[in-house]
Amino acid sequence: MHPQTQPGAPNGAGARRAPAPSSRATSQELAINLTTAPPDGEAEQADVISESDNTLVRLINSVIDEAISHRASDIHIETEPAPQNVRVRLRIDGDLTPYLELPARFRFAMVARIKIMANMDISEHRKPQDGKIDFSRFGGPPVELRVVTVPTSRGLEDVVLRLLAGAKPLPLEAIGLSPSNLVSMREVMKKSYGLVLVCGPTGCGKTTTLHSVVRDINTAGRKIWTAEDPIEITQSGLRQVQVNPRIGWTFAAAMRTFLRADPDVIMIGEMRDEETARIAIEASLTGHLVLSTLHTNSAPESIARLLEIGLDPFNFSDSLLAILAQRLVRRLCTVCREPRVAEDDVLLDLASQYLASGTSNTPQARSEQVARWRQQHGDASGTLRMWRAVGCKECENHGYRGRLGIHELMLSDDTIRQHIRHRAPASDIRHSALAAGMLTLRQDGIEKVLQGLTDMPEVIGATNL
């Protein structure tokens, strides 16, 4: 039996025990119990562990329980040909962390057990399968897990489980918006009609942000319909709909239905195609506030993408209110983070990165930017500090605990509308947005570095200039 590995420990060494009720064995203890009951024959011939084995059932339940305790978003179960071990990894705060290893003879039984829990076909090993697990049916908390099995080489299968915890929405001021972006976003949401988009790659918190925005306007005087796939966050007062493309209940179909159901606000989980985008724009022009997400890298690129799929530029320009681009960075652990005085050369280099997206990245502009930072973020003497990750018991030696958003908020104005109507390239739209005061993702990230919330490696890894 290979020991569980401590995230952040050198070379993955060190035993890790997840918090668990004293009456329930941890996954490590259950794995040891399984391993110390050797089957007959050699390891290569010993794929005889049953998917209904009581200890194996308890082990899988315990892994899910502990993943929830560790705030994991995904559980990865990776199988290899014997004698290589089955590896379990957790994605915590966006990073995959080695968690548990089991002998190869458990590889088929583990996959079969999860398929049973997700109502999948346990006899099908050649095709990928999708399913869902309601963990409350197996004695756990009310958490839903999306399950996908992926056939790999030599007849094996990997499993990935995504945890959907039915979370409650965060207050809008808690998602990491800068004070100016927070004010601007709230001004936008006071409008009675128009289109608001949140863009970014998969897993960057777009749904969380949308629900925080909707929470801010969720009053008894508004009828708010949402179409989502899946429903990850629930809110009292919303009418939330789970789409199901397999039966034709798509985002576009939900939009058409909502428009006949007297809405004030419509939230669409994702603009996946031209039809959904076109209906959303029509809805926003006929007196409804429409919110949705888009898989694009930046706010200006979102405009170019929607024009490329065939939207009418005049309708689009009239409907658009704002586009919020977002990324997630890990938040420094406040218990163990260490400060250091930022020297002038470090600050000037930071200012060069901050100003790189604009037109004035001169020595004088960099010096003026550093002076502004000293006034905004420095102590009484103007000294600026930057913080670095260390690692402690509270953050399980990661140096980080939790995540926060960095944002790029582009507000639609006359210049942006003219760009849309003339199908201007994203670079022109970006230049005009910056001139109007938009901060890029990198700039917003640097501001949060100077506030001690995260560090530059996180910001650089999450953004382009």
Protein backbone atom coordinates (compact mmCIF):
# COMPACT_ATOMS: atom_id res chain seq x y z
CA MET A 1 0.00 0.00 0.00
CA HIS A 2 1.35 3.36 -0.92
CA PRO A 3 0.63 6.02 1.69
CA GLN A 4 -1.59 8.94 0.93
CA THR A 5 0.39 11.97 -0.05
CA GLN A 6 0.43 15.35 1.62
CA PRO A 7 -0.28 18.15 -0.86
CA GLY A 8 2.62 20.54 -0.97
CA ALA A 9 5.01 18.20 0.85
CA PRO A 10 8.40 17.65 -0.79
CA ASN A 11 8.30 14.83 -3.33
CA GLY A 12 4.72 14.07 -2.32
CA ALA A 13 5.86 12.51 0.96
CA GLY A 14 4.01 12.50 4.24
CA ALA A 15 0.75 10.89 5.33
CA ARG A 16 -2.39 12.91 5.00
CA ARG A 17 -5.58 12.37 6.95
CA ALA A 18 -8.69 14.21 5.93
CA PRO A 19 -11.01 15.57 8.58
CA ALA A 20 -13.74 13.00 9.19
CA PRO A 21 -16.17 12.15 11.95
CA SER A 22 -14.57 9.99 14.62
CA SER A 23 -17.20 7.31 14.07
CA ARG A 24 -16.24 6.91 10.40
CA ALA A 25 -13.00 5.43 9.12
CA THR A 26 -10.90 7.57 6.81
CA SER A 27 -10.17 6.50 3.25
CA GLN A 28 -6.58 5.72 4.25
CA GLU A 29 -7.71 3.34 7.01
CA LEU A 30 -10.19 1.64 4.71
CA ALA A 31 -7.56 1.32 1.97
CA ILE A 32 -5.22 -0.35 4.46
CA ASN A 33 -8.01 -2.77 5.43
CA LEU A 34 -8.53 -3.69 1.79
CA THR A 35 -4.83 -4.13 1.17
CA THR A 36 -4.19 -6.31 4.19
CA ALA A 37 -6.74 -8.87 2.97
CA PRO A 38 -4.77 -10.32 0.02
CA PRO A 39 -6.67 -12.32 -2.59
CA ASP A 40 -5.64 -15.70 -3.89
CA GLY A 41 -3.07 -15.74 -6.67
CA GLU A 42 -0.74 -13.14 -8.05
CA ALA A 43 -1.60 -9.44 -8.35
CA GLU A 44 -1.95 -9.70 -12.11
CA GLN A 45 -4.63 -12.40 -11.69
CA ALA A 46 -6.29 -10.91 -8.66
CA ASP A 47 -8.96 -8.63 -10.10
CA VAL A 48 -11.43 -10.39 -7.87
CA ILE A 49 -12.45 -7.57 -5.54
CA SER A 50 -16.22 -7.19 -5.82
CA GLU A 51 -17.82 -3.83 -6.49
CA SER A 52 -20.19 -4.68 -3.64
CA ASP A 53 -17.38 -5.39 -1.16
CA ASN A 54 -18.41 -3.55 2.02
CA THR A 55 -14.99 -2.03 2.65
CA LEU A 56 -14.66 -0.87 -0.98
CA VAL A 57 -18.12 0.73 -0.82
CA ARG A 58 -17.15 2.54 2.38
CA LEU A 59 -13.81 3.56 0.84
CA ILE A 60 -15.43 5.28 -2.15
CA ASN A 61 -17.98 7.01 0.09
CA SER A 62 -15.13 8.15 2.33
CA VAL A 63 -13.10 9.53 -0.60
CA ILE A 64 -16.11 11.60 -1.70
CA ASP A 65 -16.73 12.76 1.88
CA GLU A 66 -13.11 13.83 2.29
CA ALA A 67 -13.06 15.55 -1.09
CA ILE A 68 -16.01 17.64 0.08
CA SER A 69 -14.19 18.42 3.35
CA HIS A 70 -11.13 19.59 1.42
CA ARG A 71 -13.22 21.87 -0.85
CA ALA A 72 -12.24 19.82 -3.91
CA SER A 73 -14.02 20.53 -7.19
CA ASP A 74 -13.11 17.23 -8.90
CA ILE A 75 -12.00 13.69 -8.05
CA HIS A 76 -9.79 11.92 -10.62
CA ILE A 77 -9.49 8.11 -10.48
CA GLU A 78 -6.73 6.94 -12.82
CA THR A 79 -6.14 3.27 -13.60
CA GLU A 80 -2.99 1.65 -15.00
CA PRO A 81 -2.13 -1.91 -16.07
CA ALA A 82 -0.94 -4.13 -13.21
CA PRO A 83 1.25 -3.89 -11.22
CA GLN A 84 0.94 -0.08 -11.30
CA ASN A 85 -1.32 1.41 -8.66
CA VAL A 86 -4.70 3.05 -9.03
CA ARG A 87 -4.17 6.75 -8.36
CA VAL A 88 -6.72 9.13 -6.85
CA ARG A 89 -6.15 12.87 -7.19
CA LEU A 90 -8.23 15.83 -6.02
CA ARG A 91 -8.49 19.23 -7.67
CA ILE A 92 -8.32 21.78 -4.85
CA ASP A 93 -8.31 25.52 -5.61
CA GLY A 94 -7.67 24.70 -9.25
CA ASP A 95 -4.61 22.47 -8.71
CA LEU A 96 -4.52 18.66 -8.90
CA THR A 97 -3.22 17.13 -5.68
CA PRO A 98 -2.08 13.48 -5.22
CA TYR A 99 -4.36 11.97 -2.59
CA LEU A 100 -4.46 8.17 -2.46
CA GLU A 101 -2.98 5.11 -4.16
CA LEU A 102 -4.42 1.60 -4.20
CA PRO A 103 -3.06 -1.70 -5.57
CA ALA A 104 -3.94 -2.47 -9.20
CA ARG A 105 -6.36 -5.26 -8.30
CA PHE A 106 -8.95 -2.67 -7.20
CA ARG A 107 -9.09 -0.89 -10.55
CA PHE A 108 -12.09 -2.70 -12.07
CA ALA A 109 -14.11 -2.88 -8.85
CA MET A 110 -13.71 0.86 -8.12
CA VAL A 111 -14.90 1.84 -11.58
CA ALA A 112 -17.80 -0.64 -11.43
CA ARG A 113 -18.92 0.65 -8.03
CA ILE A 114 -18.98 4.26 -9.25
CA LYS A 115 -20.92 3.20 -12.36
CA ILE A 116 -23.51 1.53 -10.14
CA MET A 117 -23.82 4.70 -8.04
CA ALA A 118 -24.28 6.77 -11.23
CA ASN A 119 -26.75 4.33 -12.88
CA MET A 120 -24.35 3.58 -15.73
CA ASP A 121 -23.89 0.37 -17.73
CA ILE A 122 -21.22 -1.59 -15.87
CA SER A 123 -20.76 -3.99 -18.81
CA GLU A 124 -19.74 -1.21 -21.25
CA HIS A 125 -15.99 -0.54 -21.19
CA ARG A 126 -15.31 0.61 -24.77
CA LYS A 127 -17.37 3.81 -24.86
CA PRO A 128 -17.34 6.87 -22.60
CA GLN A 129 -20.35 7.28 -20.33
CA ASP A 130 -21.90 10.18 -18.43
CA GLY A 131 -23.95 10.00 -15.27
CA LYS A 132 -24.83 11.67 -12.00
CA ILE A 133 -24.63 10.63 -8.37
CA ASP A 134 -26.93 12.03 -5.67
CA PHE A 135 -24.58 11.46 -2.75
CA SER A 136 -27.37 11.87 -0.18
CA ARG A 137 -28.74 8.50 -1.38
CA PHE A 138 -25.56 6.88 -0.07
CA GLY A 139 -25.55 8.45 3.37
CA GLY A 140 -23.59 11.58 2.49
CA PRO A 141 -24.44 15.30 2.43
CA PRO A 142 -26.75 16.68 -0.30
CA VAL A 143 -24.08 16.90 -3.00
CA GLU A 144 -24.54 15.98 -6.64
CA LEU A 145 -21.60 14.59 -8.62
CA ARG A 146 -21.30 14.62 -12.39
CA VAL A 147 -19.50 11.46 -13.48
CA VAL A 148 -17.67 10.74 -16.73
CA THR A 149 -15.85 7.51 -17.59
CA VAL A 150 -13.15 7.59 -20.25
CA PRO A 151 -11.86 4.38 -21.92
CA THR A 152 -8.06 4.23 -21.86
CA SER A 153 -5.50 1.76 -23.22
CA ARG A 154 -5.60 -1.99 -22.53
CA GLY A 155 -9.31 -2.08 -21.77
CA LEU A 156 -9.09 0.16 -18.71
CA GLU A 157 -11.20 3.17 -17.77
CA ASP A 158 -10.57 6.41 -15.89
CA VAL A 159 -13.28 8.18 -13.91
CA VAL A 160 -13.65 11.88 -13.14
CA LEU A 161 -16.27 13.07 -10.66
CA ARG A 162 -17.17 16.78 -10.47
CA LEU A 163 -18.67 17.91 -7.18
CA LEU A 164 -21.72 20.15 -7.47
CA ALA A 165 -22.40 21.13 -3.90
CA GLY A 166 -25.68 23.00 -4.36
CA ALA A 167 -23.93 26.04 -2.96
CA LYS A 168 -25.54 29.34 -2.08
CA PRO A 169 -24.60 32.46 -4.08
CA LEU A 170 -21.91 34.79 -2.78
CA PRO A 171 -22.67 38.47 -2.16
CA LEU A 172 -21.53 40.52 -5.16
CA GLU A 173 -18.94 42.32 -3.01
CA ALA A 174 -17.37 38.97 -2.05
CA ILE A 175 -16.35 37.74 -5.53
CA GLY A 176 -13.26 39.96 -5.80
CA LEU A 177 -14.50 42.90 -7.90
CA SER A 178 -12.44 46.05 -7.40
CA PRO A 179 -14.38 48.95 -5.82
CA SER A 180 -14.72 50.75 -9.17
CA ASN A 181 -15.84 47.59 -11.00
CA LEU A 182 -18.32 46.83 -8.21
CA VAL A 183 -19.91 50.27 -8.54
CA SER A 184 -20.02 49.99 -12.33
CA MET A 185 -21.53 46.51 -12.23
CA ARG A 186 -24.27 47.61 -9.87
CA GLU A 187 -25.05 50.57 -12.12
CA VAL A 188 -25.39 48.22 -15.09
CA MET A 189 -27.73 45.93 -13.18
CA LYS A 190 -30.10 48.82 -12.48
CA LYS A 191 -31.01 48.85 -16.19
CA SER A 192 -34.37 47.32 -17.02
CA TYR A 193 -33.22 45.75 -20.29
CA GLY A 194 -30.02 44.85 -22.14
CA LEU A 195 -27.41 42.12 -22.37
CA VAL A 196 -24.68 41.39 -19.80
CA LEU A 197 -22.06 38.71 -20.52
CA VAL A 198 -19.49 37.01 -18.29
CA CYS A 199 -16.67 35.38 -20.24
CA GLY A 200 -13.67 33.17 -19.56
CA PRO A 201 -12.49 29.56 -19.85
CA THR A 202 -14.15 26.57 -18.22
CA GLY A 203 -13.82 26.56 -14.44
CA CYS A 204 -13.08 30.26 -13.97
CA GLY A 205 -16.14 30.98 -11.81
CA LYS A 206 -18.48 32.44 -14.44
CA THR A 207 -21.57 30.72 -12.98
CA THR A 208 -20.69 31.87 -9.46
CA THR A 209 -20.36 35.45 -10.70
CA LEU A 210 -23.66 35.30 -12.59
CA HIS A 211 -25.46 34.05 -9.50
CA SER A 212 -23.85 36.77 -7.37
CA VAL A 213 -25.07 39.38 -9.85
CA VAL A 214 -28.56 37.89 -9.88
CA ARG A 215 -28.57 37.70 -6.07
CA ASP A 216 -28.07 41.47 -6.01
CA ILE A 217 -31.27 42.06 -8.01
CA ASN A 218 -33.32 39.12 -6.73
CA THR A 219 -36.28 40.94 -5.19
CA ALA A 220 -39.99 40.22 -4.79
CA GLY A 221 -40.70 42.69 -7.59
CA ARG A 222 -38.78 40.78 -10.27
CA LYS A 223 -39.53 37.52 -12.06
CA ILE A 224 -36.20 35.85 -12.80
CA TRP A 225 -35.96 32.72 -14.98
CA THR A 226 -32.71 30.76 -15.31
CA ALA A 227 -31.74 27.95 -17.69
CA GLU A 228 -28.67 26.03 -16.52
CA ASP A 229 -26.76 22.84 -17.25
CA PRO A 230 -26.41 21.72 -14.51
CA ILE A 231 -27.97 23.76 -11.70
CA GLU A 232 -24.91 24.23 -9.47
CA ILE A 233 -26.16 27.06 -7.24
CA THR A 234 -29.71 27.42 -5.93
CA GLN A 235 -31.42 30.63 -4.90
CA SER A 236 -34.78 31.19 -3.29
CA GLY A 237 -36.94 33.40 -5.50
CA LEU A 238 -35.46 32.24 -8.81
CA ARG A 239 -37.31 29.93 -11.18
CA GLN A 240 -34.47 27.60 -12.16
CA VAL A 241 -34.68 25.19 -15.08
CA GLN A 242 -32.35 22.29 -15.92
CA VAL A 243 -31.89 21.99 -19.69
CA ASN A 244 -31.70 18.59 -21.34
CA PRO A 245 -30.46 18.70 -24.97
CA ARG A 246 -31.15 14.97 -25.43
CA ILE A 247 -34.90 15.63 -25.45
CA GLY A 248 -34.67 18.94 -27.31
CA TRP A 249 -34.92 21.06 -24.14
CA THR A 250 -31.99 23.30 -25.12
CA PHE A 251 -30.96 26.78 -24.00
CA ALA A 252 -32.65 28.21 -27.10
CA ALA A 253 -35.88 26.30 -26.40
CA ALA A 254 -35.84 27.45 -22.77
CA MET A 255 -35.35 31.05 -23.91
CA ARG A 256 -38.38 30.88 -26.18
CA THR A 257 -40.48 29.45 -23.37
CA PHE A 258 -39.30 32.07 -20.87
CA LEU A 259 -40.32 34.87 -23.21
CA ARG A 260 -43.91 33.60 -23.00
CA ALA A 261 -43.73 33.39 -19.19
CA ASP A 262 -43.63 37.12 -18.30
CA PRO A 263 -39.94 37.46 -17.30
CA ASP A 264 -38.10 40.54 -16.03
CA VAL A 265 -34.67 38.92 -15.98
CA ILE A 266 -33.43 35.87 -17.89
CA MET A 267 -30.19 34.08 -17.05
CA ILE A 268 -28.84 31.60 -19.61
CA GLY A 269 -26.07 29.29 -18.49
CA GLU A 270 -24.11 29.54 -21.74
CA MET A 271 -24.36 31.00 -25.25
CA ARG A 272 -23.42 27.87 -27.14
CA ASP A 273 -24.71 28.71 -30.60
CA GLU A 274 -26.02 31.41 -32.90
CA GLU A 275 -29.66 30.57 -32.20
CA THR A 276 -29.34 31.04 -28.43
CA ALA A 277 -27.36 34.27 -28.88
CA ARG A 278 -29.87 35.66 -31.38
CA ILE A 279 -32.87 34.94 -29.11
CA ALA A 280 -31.00 36.46 -26.15
CA ILE A 281 -30.40 39.69 -28.07
CA GLU A 282 -34.02 39.83 -29.23
CA ALA A 283 -35.14 39.33 -25.62
CA SER A 284 -32.82 42.10 -24.40
CA LEU A 285 -34.23 44.49 -27.03
CA THR A 286 -37.84 43.78 -26.06
CA GLY A 287 -37.58 44.91 -22.46
CA HIS A 288 -35.76 42.12 -20.62
CA LEU A 289 -32.44 42.03 -18.80
CA VAL A 290 -30.51 39.02 -20.13
CA LEU A 291 -27.39 37.53 -18.52
CA SER A 292 -25.24 34.76 -19.94
CA THR A 293 -21.71 33.36 -20.22
CA LEU A 294 -19.34 32.89 -23.11
CA HIS A 295 -16.13 30.90 -23.56
CA THR A 296 -13.79 33.65 -24.71
CA ASN A 297 -10.50 34.98 -23.37
CA SER A 298 -11.26 38.68 -22.99
CA ALA A 299 -14.09 41.18 -23.16
CA PRO A 300 -13.16 42.61 -26.61
CA GLU A 301 -12.72 39.10 -28.06
CA SER A 302 -16.27 38.25 -26.96
CA ILE A 303 -17.65 40.87 -29.34
CA ALA A 304 -15.60 39.51 -32.24
CA ARG A 305 -16.73 35.94 -31.44
CA LEU A 306 -20.43 36.81 -31.42
CA LEU A 307 -20.15 38.73 -34.67
CA GLU A 308 -18.34 35.78 -36.25
CA ILE A 309 -21.21 33.37 -35.49
CA GLY A 310 -23.60 35.57 -37.42
CA LEU A 311 -25.24 38.07 -35.06
CA ASP A 312 -26.64 41.27 -36.52
CA PRO A 313 -24.14 43.98 -35.48
CA PHE A 314 -26.80 46.71 -35.15
CA ASN A 315 -29.06 44.70 -32.83
CA PHE A 316 -26.04 43.48 -30.89
CA SER A 317 -24.63 46.97 -30.42
CA ASP A 318 -27.99 48.28 -29.17
CA SER A 319 -28.47 45.42 -26.69
CA LEU A 320 -25.00 45.14 -25.12
CA LEU A 321 -24.56 46.72 -21.67
CA ALA A 322 -21.33 45.19 -20.39
CA ILE A 323 -18.93 42.26 -20.69
CA LEU A 324 -17.03 40.97 -17.66
CA ALA A 325 -13.99 38.77 -18.33
CA GLN A 326 -12.83 36.70 -15.37
CA ARG A 327 -10.09 34.38 -14.14
CA LEU A 328 -9.49 32.70 -10.79
CA VAL A 329 -6.22 32.93 -8.87
CA ARG A 330 -5.34 31.25 -5.61
CA ARG A 331 -5.67 33.41 -2.51
CA LEU A 332 -2.63 33.61 -0.23
CA CYS A 333 -3.13 31.96 3.16
CA THR A 334 -3.44 34.84 5.62
CA VAL A 335 -2.04 32.72 8.45
CA CYS A 336 1.38 32.00 6.95
CA ARG A 337 1.98 34.47 4.09
CA GLU A 338 5.24 36.40 4.47
CA PRO A 339 5.74 40.06 3.56
CA ARG A 340 8.84 41.56 1.99
CA VAL A 341 9.59 45.16 1.14
CA ALA A 342 9.21 45.76 -2.60
CA GLU A 343 12.37 47.38 -3.98
CA ASP A 344 12.25 50.12 -6.62
CA ASP A 345 13.47 47.88 -9.45
CA VAL A 346 10.78 45.29 -8.65
CA LEU A 347 8.08 47.96 -8.63
CA LEU A 348 9.30 49.48 -11.90
CA ASP A 349 9.22 46.05 -13.54
CA LEU A 350 5.69 45.58 -12.16
CA ALA A 351 4.69 48.98 -13.55
CA SER A 352 6.11 47.99 -16.96
CA GLN A 353 3.82 44.91 -16.99
CA TYR A 354 0.91 47.03 -15.77
CA LEU A 355 1.33 49.59 -18.56
CA ALA A 356 2.25 47.12 -21.33
CA SER A 357 -1.30 46.98 -22.70
CA GLY A 358 -1.55 50.76 -23.04
CA THR A 359 0.19 53.31 -25.21
CA SER A 360 2.37 55.01 -22.60
CA ASN A 361 4.90 52.60 -21.16
CA THR A 362 7.66 55.20 -20.78
CA PRO A 363 10.11 55.54 -17.85
CA GLN A 364 8.19 58.57 -16.63
CA ALA A 365 4.85 56.74 -16.84
CA ARG A 366 6.29 53.80 -14.89
CA SER A 367 7.63 56.12 -12.16
CA GLU A 368 4.26 57.87 -11.91
CA GLN A 369 2.48 54.51 -11.63
CA VAL A 370 4.78 53.42 -8.78
CA ALA A 371 4.09 56.74 -7.02
CA ARG A 372 0.33 56.11 -7.30
CA TRP A 373 0.77 52.62 -5.84
CA ARG A 374 2.79 53.98 -2.91
CA GLN A 375 -0.05 56.37 -2.17
CA GLN A 376 -2.82 53.80 -2.59
CA HIS A 377 -1.27 50.67 -1.06
CA GLY A 378 1.81 51.81 0.88
CA ASP A 379 2.16 52.46 4.61
CA ALA A 380 2.54 55.91 6.16
CA SER A 381 6.08 56.20 4.76
CA GLY A 382 5.02 55.01 1.29
CA THR A 383 6.70 51.61 1.65
CA LEU A 384 5.08 48.88 -0.42
CA ARG A 385 5.11 45.22 0.56
CA MET A 386 4.58 42.13 -1.52
CA TRP A 387 3.68 38.78 0.00
CA ARG A 388 4.81 35.25 -0.73
CA ALA A 389 3.27 31.84 -0.07
CA VAL A 390 4.84 29.76 2.72
CA GLY A 391 2.60 26.91 3.86
CA CYS A 392 1.19 25.90 7.22
CA LYS A 393 -1.27 23.51 8.84
CA GLU A 394 -4.23 25.77 8.05
CA CYS A 395 -3.61 25.64 4.28
CA GLU A 396 -2.24 22.04 4.29
CA ASN A 397 1.22 23.37 3.31
CA HIS A 398 -0.03 24.84 0.03
CA GLY A 399 0.59 28.46 0.99
CA TYR A 400 -2.80 29.26 -0.54
CA ARG A 401 -6.33 28.83 0.72
CA GLY A 402 -9.34 29.50 -1.49
CA ARG A 403 -9.51 31.51 -4.70
CA LEU A 404 -10.57 34.97 -5.80
CA GLY A 405 -11.51 36.49 -9.12
CA ILE A 406 -9.57 38.95 -11.21
CA HIS A 407 -11.69 40.87 -13.68
CA GLU A 408 -11.82 42.95 -16.84
CA LEU A 409 -15.05 44.95 -17.09
CA MET A 410 -15.84 46.54 -20.45
CA LEU A 411 -18.84 48.88 -20.44
CA SER A 412 -20.61 49.58 -23.69
CA ASP A 413 -20.55 53.23 -24.78
CA ASP A 414 -21.00 55.12 -28.06
CA THR A 415 -17.46 54.28 -29.22
CA ILE A 416 -17.85 50.56 -28.50
CA ARG A 417 -21.24 50.53 -30.24
CA GLN A 418 -19.71 52.13 -33.33
CA HIS A 419 -16.95 49.50 -33.32
CA ILE A 420 -19.55 46.72 -33.18
CA ARG A 421 -21.58 48.19 -36.06
CA HIS A 422 -18.46 48.46 -38.22
CA ARG A 423 -17.23 44.98 -37.21
CA ALA A 424 -13.96 46.44 -35.93
CA PRO A 425 -11.22 44.01 -34.87
CA ALA A 426 -10.86 43.09 -31.20
CA SER A 427 -7.64 45.14 -30.95
CA ASP A 428 -9.50 48.36 -31.82
CA ILE A 429 -12.27 47.57 -29.34
CA ARG A 430 -9.66 46.84 -26.67
CA HIS A 431 -7.86 50.12 -27.30
CA SER A 432 -11.09 52.12 -26.96
CA ALA A 433 -12.09 50.25 -23.80
CA LEU A 434 -8.71 50.97 -22.20
CA ALA A 435 -9.01 54.63 -23.13
CA ALA A 436 -12.40 54.65 -21.37
CA GLY A 437 -10.82 53.34 -18.16
CA MET A 438 -11.08 49.55 -18.41
CA LEU A 439 -8.47 47.62 -16.40
CA THR A 440 -7.17 44.45 -18.03
CA LEU A 441 -7.08 41.12 -16.23
CA ARG A 442 -3.32 41.53 -15.68
CA GLN A 443 -3.77 45.05 -14.27
CA ASP A 444 -6.53 43.97 -11.90
CA GLY A 445 -4.35 41.05 -10.81
CA ILE A 446 -1.39 43.32 -10.07
CA GLU A 447 -3.63 45.55 -7.94
CA LYS A 448 -4.62 42.47 -5.92
CA VAL A 449 -0.94 41.47 -5.56
CA LEU A 450 -0.19 44.87 -4.02
CA GLN A 451 -3.13 44.38 -1.65
CA GLY A 452 -1.57 41.11 -0.42
CA LEU A 453 -4.39 38.93 -1.71
CA THR A 454 -2.35 36.82 -4.16
CA ASP A 455 1.12 36.77 -5.76
CA MET A 456 2.56 37.46 -9.20
CA PRO A 457 3.13 33.81 -10.25
CA GLU A 458 -0.62 33.26 -9.86
CA VAL A 459 -1.50 36.38 -11.85
CA ILE A 460 1.00 35.67 -14.63
CA GLY A 461 -0.24 32.08 -14.90
CA ALA A 462 -3.86 33.20 -15.26
CA THR A 463 -3.49 36.12 -17.67
CA ASN A 464 -2.01 37.37 -20.88
CA LEU A 465 -0.77 40.92 -21.29
